[in-house]
């Protein structure tokens, strides 16, 4: 009975950890390799690995350089790793950039449209500050304010890839491996995982999950093994999940720190398992 209950403890944790990494926008700045995909699912430009991660995403112009409020969706700035695109009603500009914590050096490489005033190839250095959800850009005596767009994911795609770690059940005195592969395309998240249950005398269990991003929040579901469908949400670097599984109600909480996740799980029914989970990006 204890071995079967252990399955229901471990299976929810893999998908929860995977979804947390997909949404942890500031959770992968230290150590490890950078992501190999961008928000669109295409191969990312990795030439600007040190660019501040909170810059990456889609920004909607809110206040223009004359102090006027701009209708949402009129001008869109999309910042990827080392490349950008600005979409206005009469012009689309693309280019490359480098950045530190306070400034951007921008180089336009193309501009198409009926009303483009862009100097192709000319480097322009501007200052910026971020106070979520706003990005303030200033340069040449002009200041503009942008807000994160809810039309595209603001999650940091650096967290896509392969994650490995361990689970430890402190009630039953057993432990095993966890492996998760995470992919993201636009606002859609998918994850596949495997829990090593050999120490409990059981075969490994596979898990699948999916989620949807809305701004900085994700909602997700998962299935696998003997578990029923579980539900959860991720906000920033914090994840909360609960599910009704074969042997009772399980609750998981976790936080992200750099390239690592630490979490705890507990069954609420008497005699249920409890323990910890850790994962590290490979």
C-alpha atoms as a PDB file:
ATOM      1  CA  UNK A   1       0.000   0.000   0.000  1.00  0.00           C
ATOM      2  CA  UNK A   2       2.814   2.416   0.825  1.00  0.00           C
ATOM      3  CA  UNK A   3       4.567   1.769  -2.461  1.00  0.00           C
ATOM      4  CA  UNK A   4       1.424   2.533  -4.450  1.00  0.00           C
ATOM      5  CA  UNK A   5       0.841   5.676  -2.464  1.00  0.00           C
ATOM      6  CA  UNK A   6       4.391   6.753  -3.271  1.00  0.00           C
ATOM      7  CA  UNK A   7       3.563   6.731  -6.976  1.00  0.00           C
ATOM      8  CA  UNK A   8       0.737   9.183  -6.390  1.00  0.00           C
ATOM      9  CA  UNK A   9       3.102  11.455  -4.498  1.00  0.00           C
ATOM     10  CA  UNK A  10       5.839  11.627  -7.103  1.00  0.00           C
ATOM     11  CA  UNK A  11       3.833  11.847 -10.299  1.00  0.00           C
ATOM     12  CA  UNK A  12       2.269  15.274  -9.647  1.00  0.00           C
ATOM     13  CA  UNK A  13       5.633  16.758  -8.728  1.00  0.00           C
ATOM     14  CA  UNK A  14       7.310  16.258 -12.097  1.00  0.00           C
ATOM     15  CA  UNK A  15       4.735  18.242 -14.005  1.00  0.00           C
ATOM     16  CA  UNK A  16       4.512  20.909 -11.349  1.00  0.00           C
ATOM     17  CA  UNK A  17       8.248  21.464 -11.404  1.00  0.00           C
ATOM     18  CA  UNK A  18       8.265  21.542 -15.176  1.00  0.00           C
ATOM     19  CA  UNK A  19       5.513  24.142 -15.358  1.00  0.00           C
ATOM     20  CA  UNK A  20       7.241  26.246 -12.727  1.00  0.00           C
ATOM     21  CA  UNK A  21      10.399  26.451 -14.779  1.00  0.00           C
ATOM     22  CA  UNK A  22       8.452  27.406 -17.860  1.00  0.00           C
ATOM     23  CA  UNK A  23       6.962  30.351 -16.035  1.00  0.00           C
ATOM     24  CA  UNK A  24       9.835  31.483 -13.883  1.00  0.00           C
ATOM     25  CA  UNK A  25      10.793  34.554 -15.844  1.00  0.00           C
ATOM     26  CA  UNK A  26      13.683  35.502 -13.572  1.00  0.00           C
ATOM     27  CA  UNK A  27      14.579  31.972 -12.565  1.00  0.00           C
ATOM     28  CA  UNK A  28      17.408  31.093 -14.915  1.00  0.00           C
ATOM     29  CA  UNK A  29      19.908  33.929 -14.834  1.00  0.00           C
ATOM     30  CA  UNK A  30      22.605  32.156 -12.886  1.00  0.00           C
ATOM     31  CA  UNK A  31      24.643  29.241 -14.194  1.00  0.00           C
ATOM     32  CA  UNK A  32      23.699  26.609 -16.746  1.00  0.00           C
ATOM     33  CA  UNK A  33      23.258  26.961 -20.495  1.00  0.00           C
ATOM     34  CA  UNK A  34      20.961  29.538 -22.016  1.00  0.00           C
ATOM     35  CA  UNK A  35      17.833  28.510 -23.868  1.00  0.00           C
ATOM     36  CA  UNK A  36      17.942  27.336 -27.461  1.00  0.00           C
ATOM     37  CA  UNK A  37      14.476  28.593 -28.373  1.00  0.00           C
ATOM     38  CA  UNK A  38      12.701  31.941 -28.196  1.00  0.00           C
ATOM     39  CA  UNK A  39       9.054  32.828 -27.428  1.00  0.00           C
ATOM     40  CA  UNK A  40       7.963  31.735 -30.880  1.00  0.00           C
ATOM     41  CA  UNK A  41       9.470  28.279 -30.651  1.00  0.00           C
ATOM     42  CA  UNK A  42      12.112  29.165 -33.268  1.00  0.00           C
ATOM     43  CA  UNK A  43      15.866  28.840 -32.622  1.00  0.00           C
ATOM     44  CA  UNK A  44      16.967  31.769 -30.485  1.00  0.00           C
ATOM     45  CA  UNK A  45      19.812  34.171 -31.184  1.00  0.00           C
ATOM     46  CA  UNK A  46      22.277  33.252 -28.442  1.00  0.00           C
ATOM     47  CA  UNK A  47      24.824  36.032 -29.114  1.00  0.00           C
ATOM     48  CA  UNK A  48      23.557  38.130 -26.190  1.00  0.00           C
ATOM     49  CA  UNK A  49      23.531  35.633 -23.358  1.00  0.00           C
ATOM     50  CA  UNK A  50      24.228  38.307 -20.757  1.00  0.00           C
ATOM     51  CA  UNK A  51      21.330  40.575 -21.763  1.00  0.00           C
ATOM     52  CA  UNK A  52      19.103  41.238 -18.731  1.00  0.00           C
ATOM     53  CA  UNK A  53      16.397  38.586 -18.839  1.00  0.00           C
ATOM     54  CA  UNK A  54      13.584  40.885 -17.763  1.00  0.00           C
ATOM     55  CA  UNK A  55      13.984  42.828 -21.032  1.00  0.00           C
ATOM     56  CA  UNK A  56      12.982  39.829 -23.126  1.00  0.00           C
ATOM     57  CA  UNK A  57       9.311  39.755 -24.043  1.00  0.00           C
ATOM     58  CA  UNK A  58       6.646  41.742 -25.865  1.00  0.00           C
ATOM     59  CA  UNK A  59       6.033  45.382 -24.901  1.00  0.00           C
ATOM     60  CA  UNK A  60       3.073  47.615 -25.786  1.00  0.00           C
ATOM     61  CA  UNK A  61       3.660  51.391 -26.137  1.00  0.00           C
ATOM     62  CA  UNK A  62       1.606  53.136 -23.468  1.00  0.00           C
ATOM     63  CA  UNK A  63       2.844  56.763 -23.440  1.00  0.00           C
ATOM     64  CA  UNK A  64       4.635  58.282 -26.454  1.00  0.00           C
ATOM     65  CA  UNK A  65       7.501  60.806 -26.505  1.00  0.00           C
ATOM     66  CA  UNK A  66       5.040  63.710 -26.337  1.00  0.00           C
ATOM     67  CA  UNK A  67       3.353  62.392 -23.208  1.00  0.00           C
ATOM     68  CA  UNK A  68       0.253  61.161 -25.025  1.00  0.00           C
ATOM     69  CA  UNK A  69      -1.551  57.970 -24.080  1.00  0.00           C
ATOM     70  CA  UNK A  70      -1.324  55.421 -26.910  1.00  0.00           C
ATOM     71  CA  UNK A  71      -4.151  52.930 -27.551  1.00  0.00           C
ATOM     72  CA  UNK A  72      -3.143  49.380 -26.674  1.00  0.00           C
ATOM     73  CA  UNK A  73      -1.764  47.420 -29.617  1.00  0.00           C
ATOM     74  CA  UNK A  74      -0.837  50.473 -31.713  1.00  0.00           C
ATOM     75  CA  UNK A  75       2.954  50.089 -31.378  1.00  0.00           C
ATOM     76  CA  UNK A  76       4.504  46.788 -30.320  1.00  0.00           C
ATOM     77  CA  UNK A  77       8.141  46.177 -29.330  1.00  0.00           C
ATOM     78  CA  UNK A  78       9.304  42.569 -29.243  1.00  0.00           C
ATOM     79  CA  UNK A  79      12.685  41.956 -27.618  1.00  0.00           C
ATOM     80  CA  UNK A  80      14.320  38.585 -28.096  1.00  0.00           C
ATOM     81  CA  UNK A  81      17.870  37.535 -27.209  1.00  0.00           C
ATOM     82  CA  UNK A  82      19.939  40.167 -29.076  1.00  0.00           C
ATOM     83  CA  UNK A  83      17.288  41.033 -31.681  1.00  0.00           C
ATOM     84  CA  UNK A  84      14.207  43.244 -31.736  1.00  0.00           C
ATOM     85  CA  UNK A  85      11.195  44.198 -33.831  1.00  0.00           C
ATOM     86  CA  UNK A  86       9.071  47.345 -33.598  1.00  0.00           C
ATOM     87  CA  UNK A  87       5.679  47.182 -35.314  1.00  0.00           C
ATOM     88  CA  UNK A  88       3.821  50.461 -35.975  1.00  0.00           C
ATOM     89  CA  UNK A  89       0.803  51.100 -38.229  1.00  0.00           C
ATOM     90  CA  UNK A  90       3.005  52.359 -41.118  1.00  0.00           C
ATOM     91  CA  UNK A  91       6.410  50.816 -40.406  1.00  0.00           C
ATOM     92  CA  UNK A  92       8.046  47.643 -39.166  1.00  0.00           C
ATOM     93  CA  UNK A  93      11.642  47.971 -37.954  1.00  0.00           C
ATOM     94  CA  UNK A  94      13.960  45.099 -37.072  1.00  0.00           C
ATOM     95  CA  UNK A  95      17.495  45.065 -35.741  1.00  0.00           C
ATOM     96  CA  UNK A  96      19.962  43.871 -33.160  1.00  0.00           C
ATOM     97  CA  UNK A  97      20.944  45.130 -29.739  1.00  0.00           C
ATOM     98  CA  UNK A  98      23.289  44.679 -26.823  1.00  0.00           C
ATOM     99  CA  UNK A  99      22.388  45.597 -23.275  1.00  0.00           C
ATOM    100  CA  UNK A 100      23.560  45.995 -19.732  1.00  0.00           C
ATOM    101  CA  UNK A 101      21.429  46.727 -16.691  1.00  0.00           C
ATOM    102  CA  UNK A 102      20.701  50.356 -17.643  1.00  0.00           C
ATOM    103  CA  UNK A 103      21.367  50.910 -21.363  1.00  0.00           C
ATOM    104  CA  UNK A 104      20.611  49.494 -24.801  1.00  0.00           C
ATOM    105  CA  UNK A 105      22.782  49.863 -27.910  1.00  0.00           C
ATOM    106  CA  UNK A 106      20.381  49.411 -30.837  1.00  0.00           C
ATOM    107  CA  UNK A 107      21.325  48.833 -34.488  1.00  0.00           C
ATOM    108  CA  UNK A 108      18.474  48.842 -37.051  1.00  0.00           C
ATOM    109  CA  UNK A 109      18.987  46.318 -39.878  1.00  0.00           C
ATOM    110  CA  UNK A 110      15.754  46.745 -41.856  1.00  0.00           C
ATOM    111  CA  UNK A 111      12.653  48.926 -42.070  1.00  0.00           C
ATOM    112  CA  UNK A 112       9.607  48.398 -44.259  1.00  0.00           C
ATOM    113  CA  UNK A 113       6.493  50.523 -44.596  1.00  0.00           C
ATOM    114  CA  UNK A 114       5.174  53.796 -45.954  1.00  0.00           C
ATOM    115  CA  UNK A 115       6.357  56.006 -43.067  1.00  0.00           C
ATOM    116  CA  UNK A 116       9.726  54.802 -41.760  1.00  0.00           C
ATOM    117  CA  UNK A 117      12.299  57.267 -40.391  1.00  0.00           C
ATOM    118  CA  UNK A 118      15.092  54.827 -39.574  1.00  0.00           C
ATOM    119  CA  UNK A 119      18.857  55.091 -40.095  1.00  0.00           C
ATOM    120  CA  UNK A 120      19.845  51.559 -41.089  1.00  0.00           C
ATOM    121  CA  UNK A 121      23.127  50.428 -39.523  1.00  0.00           C
ATOM    122  CA  UNK A 122      23.472  53.421 -37.203  1.00  0.00           C
ATOM    123  CA  UNK A 123      24.052  52.499 -33.554  1.00  0.00           C
ATOM    124  CA  UNK A 124      21.877  54.362 -31.075  1.00  0.00           C
ATOM    125  CA  UNK A 125      22.450  54.073 -27.311  1.00  0.00           C
ATOM    126  CA  UNK A 126      19.446  54.663 -25.075  1.00  0.00           C
ATOM    127  CA  UNK A 127      18.724  54.310 -21.377  1.00  0.00           C
ATOM    128  CA  UNK A 128      16.042  52.153 -19.820  1.00  0.00           C
ATOM    129  CA  UNK A 129      14.528  51.201 -16.483  1.00  0.00           C
ATOM    130  CA  UNK A 130      12.076  48.429 -15.675  1.00  0.00           C
ATOM    131  CA  UNK A 131       9.464  48.669 -12.956  1.00  0.00           C
ATOM    132  CA  UNK A 132       7.122  45.788 -13.663  1.00  0.00           C
ATOM    133  CA  UNK A 133       5.005  45.837 -15.673  1.00  0.00           C
ATOM    134  CA  UNK A 134       6.491  49.022 -17.213  1.00  0.00           C
ATOM    135  CA  UNK A 135       9.575  49.641 -19.355  1.00  0.00           C
ATOM    136  CA  UNK A 136      10.732  53.282 -19.559  1.00  0.00           C
ATOM    137  CA  UNK A 137      13.085  54.167 -22.443  1.00  0.00           C
ATOM    138  CA  UNK A 138      14.839  57.518 -22.743  1.00  0.00           C
ATOM    139  CA  UNK A 139      17.300  58.968 -25.254  1.00  0.00           C
ATOM    140  CA  UNK A 140      17.827  62.122 -27.291  1.00  0.00           C
ATOM    141  CA  UNK A 141      15.609  64.096 -24.943  1.00  0.00           C
ATOM    142  CA  UNK A 142      12.625  61.770 -25.497  1.00  0.00           C
ATOM    143  CA  UNK A 143      11.030  59.351 -23.050  1.00  0.00           C
ATOM    144  CA  UNK A 144       8.510  56.617 -23.797  1.00  0.00           C
ATOM    145  CA  UNK A 145       6.690  54.207 -21.504  1.00  0.00           C
ATOM    146  CA  UNK A 146       5.867  50.615 -22.463  1.00  0.00           C
ATOM    147  CA  UNK A 147       3.912  47.913 -20.655  1.00  0.00           C
ATOM    148  CA  UNK A 148       4.192  44.168 -20.975  1.00  0.00           C
ATOM    149  CA  UNK A 149       1.765  42.858 -23.535  1.00  0.00           C
ATOM    150  CA  UNK A 150      -0.763  40.243 -22.436  1.00  0.00           C
ATOM    151  CA  UNK A 151      -1.135  39.157 -26.051  1.00  0.00           C
ATOM    152  CA  UNK A 152       2.087  37.135 -25.935  1.00  0.00           C
ATOM    153  CA  UNK A 153       3.918  35.210 -23.289  1.00  0.00           C
ATOM    154  CA  UNK A 154       6.057  37.199 -20.879  1.00  0.00           C
ATOM    155  CA  UNK A 155       7.654  34.020 -19.615  1.00  0.00           C
ATOM    156  CA  UNK A 156      11.351  33.722 -20.141  1.00  0.00           C
ATOM    157  CA  UNK A 157      12.093  31.062 -22.727  1.00  0.00           C
ATOM    158  CA  UNK A 158      15.511  30.448 -21.149  1.00  0.00           C
ATOM    159  CA  UNK A 159      13.772  27.776 -19.086  1.00  0.00           C
ATOM    160  CA  UNK A 160      12.970  25.512 -22.025  1.00  0.00           C
ATOM    161  CA  UNK A 161      15.133  22.437 -22.257  1.00  0.00           C
ATOM    162  CA  UNK A 162      16.020  19.448 -20.120  1.00  0.00           C
ATOM    163  CA  UNK A 163      15.890  19.492 -16.327  1.00  0.00           C
ATOM    164  CA  UNK A 164      17.027  16.730 -13.992  1.00  0.00           C
ATOM    165  CA  UNK A 165      16.860  16.221 -10.257  1.00  0.00           C
ATOM    166  CA  UNK A 166      15.686  14.041  -7.411  1.00  0.00           C
ATOM    167  CA  UNK A 167      12.743  13.450  -5.128  1.00  0.00           C
ATOM    168  CA  UNK A 168      13.118  12.358  -1.496  1.00  0.00           C
ATOM    169  CA  UNK A 169      10.259  10.935   0.528  1.00  0.00           C
ATOM    170  CA  UNK A 170      11.093  11.493   4.185  1.00  0.00           C
ATOM    171  CA  UNK A 171       8.135   9.434   5.416  1.00  0.00           C
ATOM    172  CA  UNK A 172       8.937   6.204   3.541  1.00  0.00           C
ATOM    173  CA  UNK A 173      12.708   6.742   3.431  1.00  0.00           C
ATOM    174  CA  UNK A 174      13.063   6.360  -0.343  1.00  0.00           C
ATOM    175  CA  UNK A 175      14.253   8.581  -3.198  1.00  0.00           C
ATOM    176  CA  UNK A 176      14.616   8.606  -6.977  1.00  0.00           C
ATOM    177  CA  UNK A 177      15.340  10.592 -10.115  1.00  0.00           C
ATOM    178  CA  UNK A 178      13.238  13.185 -11.941  1.00  0.00           C
ATOM    179  CA  UNK A 179      13.718  14.185 -15.588  1.00  0.00           C
ATOM    180  CA  UNK A 180      11.662  16.820 -17.417  1.00  0.00           C
ATOM    181  CA  UNK A 181      11.727  18.128 -20.984  1.00  0.00           C
ATOM    182  CA  UNK A 182       9.980  21.486 -21.501  1.00  0.00           C
ATOM    183  CA  UNK A 183       8.893  23.184 -24.709  1.00  0.00           C
ATOM    184  CA  UNK A 184       7.060  26.463 -25.346  1.00  0.00           C
ATOM    185  CA  UNK A 185       5.385  27.907 -28.437  1.00  0.00           C
ATOM    186  CA  UNK A 186       3.700  31.292 -28.142  1.00  0.00           C
ATOM    187  CA  UNK A 187       1.440  31.010 -25.072  1.00  0.00           C
ATOM    188  CA  UNK A 188       1.310  27.209 -25.058  1.00  0.00           C
ATOM    189  CA  UNK A 189       3.425  25.049 -22.785  1.00  0.00           C
ATOM    190  CA  UNK A 190       4.053  21.318 -22.947  1.00  0.00           C
ATOM    191  CA  UNK A 191       6.102  19.047 -20.727  1.00  0.00           C
ATOM    192  CA  UNK A 192       7.003  15.376 -20.564  1.00  0.00           C
ATOM    193  CA  UNK A 193       8.589  13.792 -17.538  1.00  0.00           C
ATOM    194  CA  UNK A 194       9.751  10.566 -15.967  1.00  0.00           C
ATOM    195  CA  UNK A 195       9.944   9.559 -12.314  1.00  0.00           C
ATOM    196  CA  UNK A 196      12.462   6.921 -11.246  1.00  0.00           C
ATOM    197  CA  UNK A 197      10.701   4.710  -8.699  1.00  0.00           C
ATOM    198  CA  UNK A 198      13.177   1.833  -8.577  1.00  0.00           C
ATOM    199  CA  UNK A 199      14.040   2.427  -4.914  1.00  0.00           C
ATOM    200  CA  UNK A 200      10.392   1.743  -4.092  1.00  0.00           C
ATOM    201  CA  UNK A 201      10.431  -1.486  -6.087  1.00  0.00           C
ATOM    202  CA  UNK A 202       8.285   0.006  -8.826  1.00  0.00           C
ATOM    203  CA  UNK A 203       8.637   0.670 -12.543  1.00  0.00           C
ATOM    204  CA  UNK A 204       9.348   4.229 -13.696  1.00  0.00           C
ATOM    205  CA  UNK A 205       6.311   6.354 -14.474  1.00  0.00           C
ATOM    206  CA  UNK A 206       5.854   8.750 -17.416  1.00  0.00           C
ATOM    207  CA  UNK A 207       3.879  11.996 -17.176  1.00  0.00           C
ATOM    208  CA  UNK A 208       2.536  14.519 -19.673  1.00  0.00           C
ATOM    209  CA  UNK A 209       1.218  18.020 -19.094  1.00  0.00           C
ATOM    210  CA  UNK A 210       0.124  21.207 -20.798  1.00  0.00           C
ATOM    211  CA  UNK A 211      -0.420  24.812 -19.825  1.00  0.00           C
ATOM    212  CA  UNK A 212      -1.464  28.244 -21.054  1.00  0.00           C
ATOM    213  CA  UNK A 213       0.260  31.542 -20.250  1.00  0.00           C
ATOM    214  CA  UNK A 214      -1.645  34.775 -19.677  1.00  0.00           C
ATOM    215  CA  UNK A 215       0.785  37.570 -18.882  1.00  0.00           C
ATOM    216  CA  UNK A 216       2.957  36.412 -15.976  1.00  0.00           C
ATOM    217  CA  UNK A 217       0.533  33.699 -14.846  1.00  0.00           C
ATOM    218  CA  UNK A 218       0.072  30.174 -16.133  1.00  0.00           C
ATOM    219  CA  UNK A 219      -2.651  27.619 -15.582  1.00  0.00           C
ATOM    220  CA  UNK A 220      -1.831  23.978 -16.234  1.00  0.00           C
ATOM    221  CA  UNK A 221      -3.074  20.411 -16.044  1.00  0.00           C
ATOM    222  CA  UNK A 222      -1.238  17.103 -15.886  1.00  0.00           C
ATOM    223  CA  UNK A 223      -1.929  13.386 -16.053  1.00  0.00           C
ATOM    224  CA  UNK A 224       0.158  10.311 -15.465  1.00  0.00           C
ATOM    225  CA  UNK A 225       0.218   6.850 -13.941  1.00  0.00           C
ATOM    226  CA  UNK A 226      -2.375   6.409 -11.207  1.00  0.00           C
ATOM    227  CA  UNK A 227      -2.987  10.121 -10.713  1.00  0.00           C
ATOM    228  CA  UNK A 228      -6.167  11.851 -11.657  1.00  0.00           C
ATOM    229  CA  UNK A 229      -6.002  15.180 -13.460  1.00  0.00           C
ATOM    230  CA  UNK A 230      -4.292  17.821 -11.356  1.00  0.00           C
ATOM    231  CA  UNK A 231      -4.621  21.601 -11.562  1.00  0.00           C
ATOM    232  CA  UNK A 232      -2.345  24.461 -10.609  1.00  0.00           C
ATOM    233  CA  UNK A 233      -1.132  27.989 -11.212  1.00  0.00           C
ATOM    234  CA  UNK A 234       2.276  29.635 -11.405  1.00  0.00           C
ATOM    235  CA  UNK A 235       2.898  33.276 -10.490  1.00  0.00           C
ATOM    236  CA  UNK A 236       6.410  34.663 -10.817  1.00  0.00           C
ATOM    237  CA  UNK A 237       8.732  32.236  -9.045  1.00  0.00           C
ATOM    238  CA  UNK A 238       6.038  30.606  -6.905  1.00  0.00           C
ATOM    239  CA  UNK A 239       3.976  27.564  -7.793  1.00  0.00           C
ATOM    240  CA  UNK A 240       0.908  26.192  -6.038  1.00  0.00           C
ATOM    241  CA  UNK A 241      -0.788  22.948  -7.016  1.00  0.00           C
ATOM    242  CA  UNK A 242      -3.203  20.425  -5.624  1.00  0.00           C
ATOM    243  CA  UNK A 243      -4.821  17.278  -6.926  1.00  0.00           C
ATOM    244  CA  UNK A 244      -7.093  14.460  -5.836  1.00  0.00           C
ATOM    245  CA  UNK A 245      -5.286  11.219  -6.570  1.00  0.00           C
ATOM    246  CA  UNK A 246      -5.935   7.567  -5.861  1.00  0.00           C
ATOM    247  CA  UNK A 247      -4.909   7.665  -2.198  1.00  0.00           C
ATOM    248  CA  UNK A 248      -5.959  11.170  -1.238  1.00  0.00           C
ATOM    249  CA  UNK A 249      -5.378  14.888  -1.645  1.00  0.00           C
ATOM    250  CA  UNK A 250      -1.842  16.113  -2.402  1.00  0.00           C
ATOM    251  CA  UNK A 251      -0.488  19.669  -2.126  1.00  0.00           C
ATOM    252  CA  UNK A 252       2.748  20.977  -3.634  1.00  0.00           C
ATOM    253  CA  UNK A 253       4.524  24.321  -3.205  1.00  0.00           C
ATOM    254  CA  UNK A 254       7.826  25.351  -4.760  1.00  0.00           C
ATOM    255  CA  UNK A 255      10.116  28.264  -5.531  1.00  0.00           C
ATOM    256  CA  UNK A 256      12.730  28.928  -8.204  1.00  0.00           C
ATOM    257  CA  UNK A 257      16.227  30.252  -7.507  1.00  0.00           C
ATOM    258  CA  UNK A 258      18.532  30.698 -10.481  1.00  0.00           C
ATOM    259  CA  UNK A 259      18.735  27.407 -12.367  1.00  0.00           C
ATOM    260  CA  UNK A 260      17.311  25.424  -9.462  1.00  0.00           C
ATOM    261  CA  UNK A 261      13.934  24.592  -8.031  1.00  0.00           C
ATOM    262  CA  UNK A 262      13.193  23.541  -4.470  1.00  0.00           C
ATOM    263  CA  UNK A 263       9.770  22.324  -3.439  1.00  0.00           C
ATOM    264  CA  UNK A 264       7.855  20.303  -0.884  1.00  0.00           C
ATOM    265  CA  UNK A 265       4.936  17.912  -1.230  1.00  0.00           C
ATOM    266  CA  UNK A 266       2.464  16.640   1.357  1.00  0.00           C
ATOM    267  CA  UNK A 267      -0.504  14.317   1.343  1.00  0.00           C
ATOM    268  CA  UNK A 268      -3.250  15.686   3.541  1.00  0.00           C
ATOM    269  CA  UNK A 269      -4.641  12.283   4.500  1.00  0.00           C
ATOM    270  CA  UNK A 270      -3.223  10.471   7.585  1.00  0.00           C
ATOM    271  CA  UNK A 271      -0.272   8.248   6.771  1.00  0.00           C
ATOM    272  CA  UNK A 272       0.406   9.939   3.437  1.00  0.00           C
ATOM    273  CA  UNK A 273       3.842  10.642   2.039  1.00  0.00           C
ATOM    274  CA  UNK A 274       5.765  13.898   2.303  1.00  0.00           C
ATOM    275  CA  UNK A 275       9.145  15.137   1.192  1.00  0.00           C
ATOM    276  CA  UNK A 276      11.194  17.369  -1.066  1.00  0.00           C
ATOM    277  CA  UNK A 277      11.935  17.858  -4.766  1.00  0.00           C
ATOM    278  CA  UNK A 278      14.955  19.520  -6.408  1.00  0.00           C
ATOM    279  CA  UNK A 279      15.658  20.123 -10.108  1.00  0.00           C
ATOM    280  CA  UNK A 280      18.585  21.666 -11.992  1.00  0.00           C
ATOM    281  CA  UNK A 281      18.816  22.754 -15.623  1.00  0.00           C
ATOM    282  CA  UNK A 282      21.244  20.607 -17.658  1.00  0.00           C
END
